[in-house]
Amino acid sequence: MEYLKEVEVKSVHDFIQVKMGKRSRAIVVGGPVIVGCGPSGLAAAACLKQKGIPSLILERSDCIASMWQLKTYDRLRLHLPKRFCQLPLMPFPQNYPSYPTKQQFLAYLKAYAHNFDIKPALNKTVVSAKFDHRCGCWRVKTRGLKKEETEYVTQWLIVATGENAEEIVPQIEGMSEFEGPILHTSSYKSGSMFRGKNVLVVGCGNSGMEVCLDLCNHNAHPSLVVRDTVHILPQQMFGKSTFSLSMSLLKWFPIRLVDKFLLLMSHLILGDTARFGLNRPQIGPLEFKNLYGKTPVLDVGTLAHIKGGKIKVCRGIKQLAKHKVEFVDGKTEKVDVIILATGYKSNVSTWLKVGSDMFCAKDGLPPNGWKGEDGIYAVGFTKRGLLGVSIDAEKIAEDIQQCWKAVKTTRTC
């Protein structure tokens, strides 16, 4: 293809266009363009490099793994054993614990980038990506710190921004009247700054549960808003991680039978969570995850504080006032701080202009998994965590390699 002559990212064709009074660069990239330099983008770049395929990562922040570096709390550990969270081609150091800390995981990601000589283009916010049918290429437009615009032209586009690109901030009646701070967990670092405060945590996923535990450990007084049903499982059973045990059982038994086993063991280990306002869904935890993408909570000590009364469980919020909250059951609580553990969402739909059905879902996620039409791929959108990231990255590299070999053969001829 004459339009994509270059085969090395370092020797791209670079030229200047004058467009509507603005100077903008257009760069032809010989290999794939990867959007996002978190674990997904790093894994994709490493798998491609192993096969001799260069790539270019575009990252909107000024560092790799910005979500992990800038938007996670201090006490965070990986919720699954490290063997399920390592990226392709490079395991965690042997001296790491079974559940690495946030700092250890970040050190691993930095070592991973160094090991594979991955050097992303930082401070490059992708504002649009569109397939140009005239030349059979993707046009990816970015904006830099000084509002400068650059367009990258590539045959392959890999979306690696993940499912957790933007915070979900619900609108609650009376938010403007509440006089205390309201922050998302992306801004929460430690419970030390809330010592002695009445803190309302909205959301009962793994993050909400762990933030409540952290607040207890720093002598704050947390309450937990639980609007929906939730599956809570012990992190370990029989000295083995619950996740690992589940994966082993699924090799031999149907998912519903494994779910029954998990619920039975959870009842024996944790007791009846419904007694404390934590009602379970009618569907088992693994089947619920498959159907709705909602991960069960792996308890790391929060439930003991709920049972002991240190953490109150509250119903959904009806409205806020200056220093109090009214719940849907009519109860009220005096609150100093509100922390929104309401999760994240993809931002793909805001910049990817695509006509295929890969990213046509209302939330911008790919219903068809890791591969779409016209050379577009996705890493980390299959709701399988870091394990799914590794699987996606390996599949993508293998798929692009087939086309890469065909293109090289054509050039040789």
Foldseek 3Di string as FASTA:
>chain_A
DVVQPDQAQVDWDWDWDQDPNAIEIETEGNAEEEEAQELLSLLLQLLLVVLVGHYAYEEQAQDGNCLLVQFAAQADWALAFQVLFDFPPDGQPPPADRIHGSVSVVVVSVVSCVVSVPDYDYNWAWQAWDQDPVVLWIWTWTAGPVRHIYIYIYQAYEYECAFFNFDDDDDFAAPVAAAAAEEESRNHYALLVQAQFEEEEEDDAQSSLVRLVRVVVNNHQYEYEDADAAAEFAQDDPNHGPVVVLVVVVVPDPPQVSLVVRVVVRCVVLNDCVVLVHHHDPGGQVVCCQVPLGHHHHDPDSSVCSVVVSYHYAYDFRHDHHQKTAHPVGDMDGGRYYYYHPGGGDPQVSHYDDDWQQQPDPRRAGPVAADTPSNYGYAHRNSSHSSSSNVSSNVSSVVVSVVVVVVVVVVVD
